[in-house]
Amino acid sequence: MRVSLIQMNSAENKERNLDVAEEMIRKAVGVENPDLVVLPEYFAFLGEGREAVHGNGESFPDGPTYRRFSALAAELGVTLHLGSMVEKAGNGHYNTTLVFGPDGAEIARYRKMHLFDIDVPGGMSYRESDTISRGEEVVTYRVGETTVGCAICYDIRFPELFRALRDKGAEVIVLPAAFTLMTGKDHWEVLARARAIETQTYFLAVGQTGSHAEGRKWCWGHSMAIDPWGHVVAQCSDGEGLTTAVVDPARIAAVRRDVPVAQHHVL
């Protein structure tokens, strides 16, 4: 299975973000011929303020972004893992991953469980729970014969979710993110490689890069694919761009055979 990771610099201009996302998806499919294409967290709108966040949310399946990228998946015949966007549902708003299969049908929907309420080094504060409600379901889907697990950004710090995904059969785990520069420089790769090693999966960590919020907030980027032994096998350069990796089922099987940690859990 070939997987393409798309690194973006989304900001407040939703139309620009969507156009860039489509352009980069088309480029990935045209050049790399992937089975799965992944976008970062908040790919459609990355801004701040309750009114702006909620105002750029959409209901599913009626929203224009849902329809646009469902049609794109069908046109290109590829599975699209839309990092995340704001979902309006009843009185709630969720940070939600959508996945469309190569026929354009929705095959997965994951609402972020762990919300980012943090005062990061350097004085910047983030309060995701001011605008977003928490999800509750552990979600996987299939690409061909491969089981893929869903997580988003801050989830990476909670290994119990990733064990639950492994227990549900995940062989690949996708983590779209908008990881901050201040935490990302020290924690992003360490945590991503740890989750890959613990779960013995291919771990696809797909990030936002650069600044948003009029330059007040910065994302780390460094989108990467990590194999089940913890090796980084593909990584984006600085700025917007993409990288592609190959998921090798034999590699997963060999690592799990040689170090059968799933059979040795006590707790």
C-alpha atoms as a PDB file:
ATOM      1  CA  MET A   1       0.000   0.000   0.000  1.00  0.00           C
ATOM      2  CA  ARG A   2       1.337   3.407  -1.000  1.00  0.00           C
ATOM      3  CA  VAL A   3       0.523   6.358   1.283  1.00  0.00           C
ATOM      4  CA  SER A   4       1.026  10.062   0.558  1.00  0.00           C
ATOM      5  CA  LEU A   5       1.231  12.615   3.390  1.00  0.00           C
ATOM      6  CA  ILE A   6       0.324  16.218   2.579  1.00  0.00           C
ATOM      7  CA  GLN A   7       1.795  18.972   4.744  1.00  0.00           C
ATOM      8  CA  MET A   8      -0.101  22.276   4.640  1.00  0.00           C
ATOM      9  CA  ASN A   9       0.062  25.803   6.022  1.00  0.00           C
ATOM     10  CA  SER A  10      -3.659  26.350   6.522  1.00  0.00           C
ATOM     11  CA  ALA A  11      -4.894  29.614   7.997  1.00  0.00           C
ATOM     12  CA  GLU A  12      -8.099  31.667   8.108  1.00  0.00           C
ATOM     13  CA  ASN A  13      -8.790  31.735   4.339  1.00  0.00           C
ATOM     14  CA  LYS A  14     -10.938  28.630   3.969  1.00  0.00           C
ATOM     15  CA  GLU A  15     -11.295  28.782   0.183  1.00  0.00           C
ATOM     16  CA  ARG A  16      -7.549  29.066  -0.242  1.00  0.00           C
ATOM     17  CA  ASN A  17      -7.015  26.137   2.124  1.00  0.00           C
ATOM     18  CA  LEU A  18      -9.470  23.937   0.220  1.00  0.00           C
ATOM     19  CA  ASP A  19      -7.984  24.859  -3.144  1.00  0.00           C
ATOM     20  CA  VAL A  20      -4.463  24.055  -1.921  1.00  0.00           C
ATOM     21  CA  ALA A  21      -5.642  20.754  -0.445  1.00  0.00           C
ATOM     22  CA  GLU A  22      -7.252  19.713  -3.731  1.00  0.00           C
ATOM     23  CA  GLU A  23      -4.252  20.815  -5.772  1.00  0.00           C
ATOM     24  CA  MET A  24      -1.866  18.829  -3.564  1.00  0.00           C
ATOM     25  CA  ILE A  25      -4.090  15.746  -3.578  1.00  0.00           C
ATOM     26  CA  ARG A  26      -4.186  15.844  -7.373  1.00  0.00           C
ATOM     27  CA  LYS A  27      -0.405  16.248  -7.474  1.00  0.00           C
ATOM     28  CA  ALA A  28       0.129  13.312  -5.103  1.00  0.00           C
ATOM     29  CA  VAL A  29      -2.152  11.041  -7.113  1.00  0.00           C
ATOM     30  CA  GLY A  30      -0.655  12.113 -10.428  1.00  0.00           C
ATOM     31  CA  VAL A  31       2.964  11.705  -9.358  1.00  0.00           C
ATOM     32  CA  GLU A  32       2.944   9.050  -6.635  1.00  0.00           C
ATOM     33  CA  ASN A  33      -0.119   6.891  -7.441  1.00  0.00           C
ATOM     34  CA  PRO A  34      -0.977   6.292  -3.749  1.00  0.00           C
ATOM     35  CA  ASP A  35      -3.744   4.120  -2.334  1.00  0.00           C
ATOM     36  CA  LEU A  36      -4.236   6.515   0.608  1.00  0.00           C
ATOM     37  CA  VAL A  37      -3.749  10.295   0.812  1.00  0.00           C
ATOM     38  CA  VAL A  38      -3.719  12.062   4.203  1.00  0.00           C
ATOM     39  CA  LEU A  39      -4.269  15.748   5.013  1.00  0.00           C
ATOM     40  CA  PRO A  40      -3.359  17.471   8.322  1.00  0.00           C
ATOM     41  CA  GLU A  41      -5.583  18.518  11.224  1.00  0.00           C
ATOM     42  CA  TYR A  42      -7.820  21.555  10.589  1.00  0.00           C
ATOM     43  CA  PHE A  43      -6.852  21.488   6.912  1.00  0.00           C
ATOM     44  CA  ALA A  44      -9.955  23.507   5.892  1.00  0.00           C
ATOM     45  CA  PHE A  45      -9.639  26.293   8.467  1.00  0.00           C
ATOM     46  CA  LEU A  46      -6.989  26.966  11.086  1.00  0.00           C
ATOM     47  CA  GLY A  47      -7.952  30.066  13.016  1.00  0.00           C
ATOM     48  CA  GLU A  48      -9.010  31.146  16.473  1.00  0.00           C
ATOM     49  CA  GLY A  49     -12.037  32.520  18.264  1.00  0.00           C
ATOM     50  CA  ARG A  50     -15.294  30.732  18.950  1.00  0.00           C
ATOM     51  CA  GLU A  51     -17.293  32.563  16.289  1.00  0.00           C
ATOM     52  CA  ALA A  52     -14.695  32.003  13.564  1.00  0.00           C
ATOM     53  CA  VAL A  53     -14.199  28.313  14.397  1.00  0.00           C
ATOM     54  CA  HIS A  54     -17.920  27.575  14.595  1.00  0.00           C
ATOM     55  CA  GLY A  55     -18.667  29.763  11.578  1.00  0.00           C
ATOM     56  CA  ASN A  56     -16.318  27.699   9.427  1.00  0.00           C
ATOM     57  CA  GLY A  57     -17.731  24.375  10.609  1.00  0.00           C
ATOM     58  CA  GLU A  58     -20.013  22.251   8.433  1.00  0.00           C
ATOM     59  CA  SER A  59     -22.643  19.583   8.900  1.00  0.00           C
ATOM     60  CA  PHE A  60     -22.088  16.161   7.334  1.00  0.00           C
ATOM     61  CA  PRO A  61     -22.978  14.977   4.719  1.00  0.00           C
ATOM     62  CA  ASP A  62     -24.600  18.242   3.588  1.00  0.00           C
ATOM     63  CA  GLY A  63     -21.605  20.566   3.844  1.00  0.00           C
ATOM     64  CA  PRO A  64     -19.816  21.770   0.707  1.00  0.00           C
ATOM     65  CA  THR A  65     -16.385  20.498   1.808  1.00  0.00           C
ATOM     66  CA  TYR A  66     -17.816  17.032   2.463  1.00  0.00           C
ATOM     67  CA  ARG A  67     -19.383  16.946  -1.008  1.00  0.00           C
ATOM     68  CA  ARG A  68     -16.316  18.386  -2.731  1.00  0.00           C
ATOM     69  CA  PHE A  69     -13.836  15.883  -1.352  1.00  0.00           C
ATOM     70  CA  SER A  70     -16.189  12.913  -1.598  1.00  0.00           C
ATOM     71  CA  ALA A  71     -16.473  13.703  -5.312  1.00  0.00           C
ATOM     72  CA  LEU A  72     -12.698  14.146  -5.566  1.00  0.00           C
ATOM     73  CA  ALA A  73     -12.036  10.727  -4.003  1.00  0.00           C
ATOM     74  CA  ALA A  74     -14.407   9.146  -6.506  1.00  0.00           C
ATOM     75  CA  GLU A  75     -12.917  11.043  -9.455  1.00  0.00           C
ATOM     76  CA  LEU A  76      -9.359  10.030  -8.556  1.00  0.00           C
ATOM     77  CA  GLY A  77     -10.210   6.521  -7.327  1.00  0.00           C
ATOM     78  CA  VAL A  78      -8.229   6.988  -4.105  1.00  0.00           C
ATOM     79  CA  THR A  79      -8.929   6.788  -0.366  1.00  0.00           C
ATOM     80  CA  LEU A  80      -8.841  10.292   1.159  1.00  0.00           C
ATOM     81  CA  HIS A  81      -8.193  10.712   4.885  1.00  0.00           C
ATOM     82  CA  LEU A  82      -9.248  14.324   5.470  1.00  0.00           C
ATOM     83  CA  GLY A  83      -7.067  15.185   8.460  1.00  0.00           C
ATOM     84  CA  SER A  84      -9.773  17.013  10.387  1.00  0.00           C
ATOM     85  CA  MET A  85     -12.243  19.865  10.146  1.00  0.00           C
ATOM     86  CA  VAL A  86     -14.958  21.319  12.362  1.00  0.00           C
ATOM     87  CA  GLU A  87     -18.155  19.254  12.270  1.00  0.00           C
ATOM     88  CA  LYS A  88     -21.470  20.798  13.325  1.00  0.00           C
ATOM     89  CA  ALA A  89     -23.726  18.179  14.905  1.00  0.00           C
ATOM     90  CA  GLY A  90     -26.820  19.296  16.823  1.00  0.00           C
ATOM     91  CA  ASN A  91     -25.657  21.754  19.459  1.00  0.00           C
ATOM     92  CA  GLY A  92     -22.089  20.452  19.383  1.00  0.00           C
ATOM     93  CA  HIS A  93     -18.972  21.091  17.318  1.00  0.00           C
ATOM     94  CA  TYR A  94     -16.305  18.396  16.888  1.00  0.00           C
ATOM     95  CA  ASN A  95     -12.766  18.180  15.544  1.00  0.00           C
ATOM     96  CA  THR A  96     -13.533  15.417  13.065  1.00  0.00           C
ATOM     97  CA  THR A  97     -11.664  13.210  10.635  1.00  0.00           C
ATOM     98  CA  LEU A  98     -13.557  12.102   7.532  1.00  0.00           C
ATOM     99  CA  VAL A  99     -12.382   9.260   5.324  1.00  0.00           C
ATOM    100  CA  PHE A 100     -13.740   8.678   1.826  1.00  0.00           C
ATOM    101  CA  GLY A 101     -13.146   5.468  -0.076  1.00  0.00           C
ATOM    102  CA  PRO A 102     -12.196   5.347  -3.775  1.00  0.00           C
ATOM    103  CA  ASP A 103     -15.892   5.306  -4.702  1.00  0.00           C
ATOM    104  CA  GLY A 104     -16.485   8.546  -2.759  1.00  0.00           C
ATOM    105  CA  ALA A 105     -18.461   6.887   0.041  1.00  0.00           C
ATOM    106  CA  GLU A 106     -17.705   7.800   3.666  1.00  0.00           C
ATOM    107  CA  ILE A 107     -15.921   4.851   5.288  1.00  0.00           C
ATOM    108  CA  ALA A 108     -14.886   6.411   8.614  1.00  0.00           C
ATOM    109  CA  ARG A 109     -15.588   9.369  10.880  1.00  0.00           C
ATOM    110  CA  TYR A 110     -13.488   9.996  13.987  1.00  0.00           C
ATOM    111  CA  ARG A 111     -14.089  12.768  16.528  1.00  0.00           C
ATOM    112  CA  LYS A 112     -10.979  13.809  18.456  1.00  0.00           C
ATOM    113  CA  MET A 113     -11.028  12.488  22.027  1.00  0.00           C
ATOM    114  CA  HIS A 114      -8.314  14.466  23.799  1.00  0.00           C
ATOM    115  CA  LEU A 115      -8.718  18.245  23.548  1.00  0.00           C
ATOM    116  CA  PHE A 116      -5.735  20.580  23.603  1.00  0.00           C
ATOM    117  CA  ASP A 117      -6.041  22.840  26.663  1.00  0.00           C
ATOM    118  CA  ILE A 118      -2.461  23.878  27.256  1.00  0.00           C
ATOM    119  CA  ASP A 119      -0.232  26.774  28.267  1.00  0.00           C
ATOM    120  CA  VAL A 120       2.869  26.066  26.200  1.00  0.00           C
ATOM    121  CA  PRO A 121       6.389  27.307  26.971  1.00  0.00           C
ATOM    122  CA  GLY A 122       6.758  30.832  25.690  1.00  0.00           C
ATOM    123  CA  GLY A 123       3.446  32.124  27.043  1.00  0.00           C
ATOM    124  CA  MET A 124       0.957  31.033  24.357  1.00  0.00           C
ATOM    125  CA  SER A 125      -2.296  29.436  25.539  1.00  0.00           C
ATOM    126  CA  TYR A 126      -4.590  27.031  23.693  1.00  0.00           C
ATOM    127  CA  ARG A 127      -8.125  26.132  24.831  1.00  0.00           C
ATOM    128  CA  GLU A 128      -9.629  23.758  22.287  1.00  0.00           C
ATOM    129  CA  SER A 129     -12.438  22.817  24.673  1.00  0.00           C
ATOM    130  CA  ASP A 130     -13.761  26.391  24.478  1.00  0.00           C
ATOM    131  CA  THR A 131     -14.965  25.650  20.955  1.00  0.00           C
ATOM    132  CA  ILE A 132     -14.876  21.851  20.488  1.00  0.00           C
ATOM    133  CA  SER A 133     -16.670  18.923  22.143  1.00  0.00           C
ATOM    134  CA  ARG A 134     -14.916  15.632  22.891  1.00  0.00           C
ATOM    135  CA  GLY A 135     -15.406  12.470  20.829  1.00  0.00           C
ATOM    136  CA  GLU A 136     -15.833   9.039  22.399  1.00  0.00           C
ATOM    137  CA  GLU A 137     -15.410   6.305  19.768  1.00  0.00           C
ATOM    138  CA  VAL A 138     -12.276   4.368  18.755  1.00  0.00           C
ATOM    139  CA  VAL A 139     -12.359   4.200  14.948  1.00  0.00           C
ATOM    140  CA  THR A 140     -10.686   2.037  12.305  1.00  0.00           C
ATOM    141  CA  TYR A 141     -11.320   1.475   8.606  1.00  0.00           C
ATOM    142  CA  ARG A 142      -9.970  -0.642   5.772  1.00  0.00           C
ATOM    143  CA  VAL A 143      -7.885   0.202   2.728  1.00  0.00           C
ATOM    144  CA  GLY A 144      -7.869  -3.010   0.732  1.00  0.00           C
ATOM    145  CA  GLU A 145      -6.729  -5.684   3.188  1.00  0.00           C
ATOM    146  CA  THR A 146      -5.085  -3.196   5.575  1.00  0.00           C
ATOM    147  CA  THR A 147      -6.729  -1.934   8.783  1.00  0.00           C
ATOM    148  CA  VAL A 148      -6.092   1.754   9.516  1.00  0.00           C
ATOM    149  CA  GLY A 149      -6.639   3.441  12.890  1.00  0.00           C
ATOM    150  CA  CYS A 150      -7.604   7.082  13.505  1.00  0.00           C
ATOM    151  CA  ALA A 151      -6.209   9.622  15.969  1.00  0.00           C
ATOM    152  CA  ILE A 152      -5.696  13.403  15.950  1.00  0.00           C
ATOM    153  CA  CYS A 153      -2.830  15.572  17.265  1.00  0.00           C
ATOM    154  CA  TYR A 154      -2.969  15.749  21.096  1.00  0.00           C
ATOM    155  CA  ASP A 155      -4.227  12.144  21.161  1.00  0.00           C
ATOM    156  CA  ILE A 156      -0.594  11.161  20.580  1.00  0.00           C
ATOM    157  CA  ARG A 157       0.176  11.716  24.269  1.00  0.00           C
ATOM    158  CA  PHE A 158      -2.317   9.070  25.416  1.00  0.00           C
ATOM    159  CA  PRO A 159      -0.946   5.608  24.567  1.00  0.00           C
ATOM    160  CA  GLU A 160      -4.073   3.820  25.773  1.00  0.00           C
ATOM    161  CA  LEU A 161      -5.896   5.000  22.637  1.00  0.00           C
ATOM    162  CA  PHE A 162      -3.216   3.488  20.430  1.00  0.00           C
ATOM    163  CA  ARG A 163      -3.288   0.190  22.263  1.00  0.00           C
ATOM    164  CA  ALA A 164      -7.067   0.162  21.704  1.00  0.00           C
ATOM    165  CA  LEU A 165      -6.481   0.762  17.980  1.00  0.00           C
ATOM    166  CA  ARG A 166      -3.929  -2.069  17.863  1.00  0.00           C
ATOM    167  CA  ASP A 167      -6.407  -4.334  19.692  1.00  0.00           C
ATOM    168  CA  LYS A 168      -8.963  -3.491  16.976  1.00  0.00           C
ATOM    169  CA  GLY A 169      -6.522  -4.765  14.372  1.00  0.00           C
ATOM    170  CA  ALA A 170      -4.793  -1.567  13.249  1.00  0.00           C
ATOM    171  CA  GLU A 171      -1.723  -2.139  11.085  1.00  0.00           C
ATOM    172  CA  VAL A 172      -1.415   1.531  10.145  1.00  0.00           C
ATOM    173  CA  ILE A 173      -2.285   4.486  12.402  1.00  0.00           C
ATOM    174  CA  VAL A 174      -2.882   7.964  10.991  1.00  0.00           C
ATOM    175  CA  LEU A 175      -2.378  11.056  13.158  1.00  0.00           C
ATOM    176  CA  PRO A 176      -3.145  14.390  11.464  1.00  0.00           C
ATOM    177  CA  ALA A 177      -1.944  17.281  13.595  1.00  0.00           C
ATOM    178  CA  ALA A 178      -1.342  20.990  14.015  1.00  0.00           C
ATOM    179  CA  PHE A 179       1.470  20.415  16.527  1.00  0.00           C
ATOM    180  CA  THR A 180       2.900  23.588  18.016  1.00  0.00           C
ATOM    181  CA  LEU A 181       6.450  24.642  17.230  1.00  0.00           C
ATOM    182  CA  MET A 182       7.415  24.872  20.909  1.00  0.00           C
ATOM    183  CA  THR A 183       6.310  21.329  21.786  1.00  0.00           C
ATOM    184  CA  GLY A 184       6.950  19.808  18.377  1.00  0.00           C
ATOM    185  CA  LYS A 185      10.669  20.513  18.289  1.00  0.00           C
ATOM    186  CA  ASP A 186      11.161  18.321  21.364  1.00  0.00           C
ATOM    187  CA  HIS A 187       8.250  15.864  21.395  1.00  0.00           C
ATOM    188  CA  TRP A 188       6.819  15.272  17.882  1.00  0.00           C
ATOM    189  CA  GLU A 189       9.256  12.696  16.546  1.00  0.00           C
ATOM    190  CA  VAL A 190       9.869  11.073  19.937  1.00  0.00           C
ATOM    191  CA  LEU A 191       6.153  10.490  20.544  1.00  0.00           C
ATOM    192  CA  ALA A 192       5.414   9.392  16.983  1.00  0.00           C
ATOM    193  CA  ARG A 193       8.230   6.843  16.966  1.00  0.00           C
ATOM    194  CA  ALA A 194       7.198   5.602  20.411  1.00  0.00           C
ATOM    195  CA  ARG A 195       3.605   5.038  19.279  1.00  0.00           C
ATOM    196  CA  ALA A 196       4.864   3.157  16.193  1.00  0.00           C
ATOM    197  CA  ILE A 197       7.136   0.953  18.305  1.00  0.00           C
ATOM    198  CA  GLU A 198       4.495   0.254  20.983  1.00  0.00           C
ATOM    199  CA  THR A 199       1.792  -0.680  18.498  1.00  0.00           C
ATOM    200  CA  GLN A 200       4.107  -2.229  15.885  1.00  0.00           C
ATOM    201  CA  THR A 201       2.277  -0.310  13.160  1.00  0.00           C
ATOM    202  CA  TYR A 202       3.183   2.067  10.398  1.00  0.00           C
ATOM    203  CA  PHE A 203       2.542   5.459  11.995  1.00  0.00           C
ATOM    204  CA  LEU A 204       1.656   8.345   9.682  1.00  0.00           C
ATOM    205  CA  ALA A 205       2.089  11.697  11.463  1.00  0.00           C
ATOM    206  CA  VAL A 206       0.851  14.463   9.163  1.00  0.00           C
ATOM    207  CA  GLY A 207       1.273  18.033  10.361  1.00  0.00           C
ATOM    208  CA  GLN A 208       0.532  21.647   9.657  1.00  0.00           C
ATOM    209  CA  THR A 209       3.585  23.843   9.155  1.00  0.00           C
ATOM    210  CA  GLY A 210       4.417  27.524   9.480  1.00  0.00           C
ATOM    211  CA  SER A 211       2.444  30.357  11.061  1.00  0.00           C
ATOM    212  CA  HIS A 212      -1.239  31.182  11.470  1.00  0.00           C
ATOM    213  CA  ALA A 213      -3.276  33.564  13.669  1.00  0.00           C
ATOM    214  CA  GLU A 214      -1.481  36.540  12.089  1.00  0.00           C
ATOM    215  CA  GLY A 215       1.905  35.101  12.993  1.00  0.00           C
ATOM    216  CA  ARG A 216       1.189  34.586  16.686  1.00  0.00           C
ATOM    217  CA  LYS A 217       1.060  30.781  16.468  1.00  0.00           C
ATOM    218  CA  TRP A 218       3.405  28.405  14.661  1.00  0.00           C
ATOM    219  CA  CYS A 219       3.167  24.718  13.742  1.00  0.00           C
ATOM    220  CA  TRP A 220       6.102  22.330  13.629  1.00  0.00           C
ATOM    221  CA  GLY A 221       5.479  20.436  10.380  1.00  0.00           C
ATOM    222  CA  HIS A 222       7.962  17.560   9.918  1.00  0.00           C
ATOM    223  CA  SER A 223       5.257  15.205   8.626  1.00  0.00           C
ATOM    224  CA  MET A 224       6.643  11.678   8.647  1.00  0.00           C
ATOM    225  CA  ALA A 225       5.958   8.005   8.061  1.00  0.00           C
ATOM    226  CA  ILE A 226       7.446   5.620  10.608  1.00  0.00           C
ATOM    227  CA  ASP A 227       7.728   1.849  10.239  1.00  0.00           C
ATOM    228  CA  PRO A 228       6.811  -0.714  12.954  1.00  0.00           C
ATOM    229  CA  TRP A 229      10.430  -0.824  14.172  1.00  0.00           C
ATOM    230  CA  GLY A 230      10.410   2.935  14.757  1.00  0.00           C
ATOM    231  CA  HIS A 231      12.435   3.995  11.723  1.00  0.00           C
ATOM    232  CA  VAL A 232      11.448   7.195   9.911  1.00  0.00           C
ATOM    233  CA  VAL A 233      11.000   6.011   6.308  1.00  0.00           C
ATOM    234  CA  ALA A 234       9.705   9.250   4.748  1.00  0.00           C
ATOM    235  CA  GLN A 235       9.538  12.895   5.850  1.00  0.00           C
ATOM    236  CA  CYS A 236       8.412  16.229   4.416  1.00  0.00           C
ATOM    237  CA  SER A 237      10.855  19.086   4.054  1.00  0.00           C
ATOM    238  CA  ASP A 238      10.057  22.561   5.419  1.00  0.00           C
ATOM    239  CA  GLY A 239       7.005  24.341   4.037  1.00  0.00           C
ATOM    240  CA  GLU A 240       4.006  22.951   2.216  1.00  0.00           C
ATOM    241  CA  GLY A 241       4.694  19.730   0.382  1.00  0.00           C
ATOM    242  CA  LEU A 242       4.204  15.994   0.350  1.00  0.00           C
ATOM    243  CA  THR A 243       6.024  12.744   0.883  1.00  0.00           C
ATOM    244  CA  THR A 244       5.147   9.139   0.096  1.00  0.00           C
ATOM    245  CA  ALA A 245       5.918   5.835   1.785  1.00  0.00           C
ATOM    246  CA  VAL A 246       5.156   2.179   1.179  1.00  0.00           C
ATOM    247  CA  VAL A 247       3.388   0.100   3.835  1.00  0.00           C
ATOM    248  CA  ASP A 248       4.851  -3.404   3.770  1.00  0.00           C
ATOM    249  CA  PRO A 249       2.609  -6.037   5.418  1.00  0.00           C
ATOM    250  CA  ALA A 250       5.557  -8.435   5.629  1.00  0.00           C
ATOM    251  CA  ARG A 251       7.473  -5.884   7.706  1.00  0.00           C
ATOM    252  CA  ILE A 252       4.560  -5.597  10.149  1.00  0.00           C
ATOM    253  CA  ALA A 253       4.300  -9.375  10.442  1.00  0.00           C
ATOM    254  CA  ALA A 254       8.044  -9.806  10.994  1.00  0.00           C
ATOM    255  CA  VAL A 255       8.240  -7.197  13.756  1.00  0.00           C
ATOM    256  CA  ARG A 256       5.201  -8.654  15.520  1.00  0.00           C
ATOM    257  CA  ARG A 257       6.609 -12.163  15.237  1.00  0.00           C
ATOM    258  CA  ASP A 258      10.075 -11.241  16.516  1.00  0.00           C
ATOM    259  CA  VAL A 259       8.841  -9.113  19.443  1.00  0.00           C
ATOM    260  CA  PRO A 260       5.308 -10.363  20.253  1.00  0.00           C
ATOM    261  CA  VAL A 261       4.383  -7.656  22.758  1.00  0.00           C
ATOM    262  CA  ALA A 262       0.640  -7.991  22.077  1.00  0.00           C
ATOM    263  CA  GLN A 263       0.791 -11.462  23.639  1.00  0.00           C
ATOM    264  CA  HIS A 264       2.591 -10.262  26.762  1.00  0.00           C
ATOM    265  CA  HIS A 265       0.331  -7.519  28.148  1.00  0.00           C
ATOM    266  CA  VAL A 266      -0.361  -7.884  31.862  1.00  0.00           C
ATOM    267  CA  LEU A 267      -2.465  -4.776  32.553  1.00  0.00           C
END
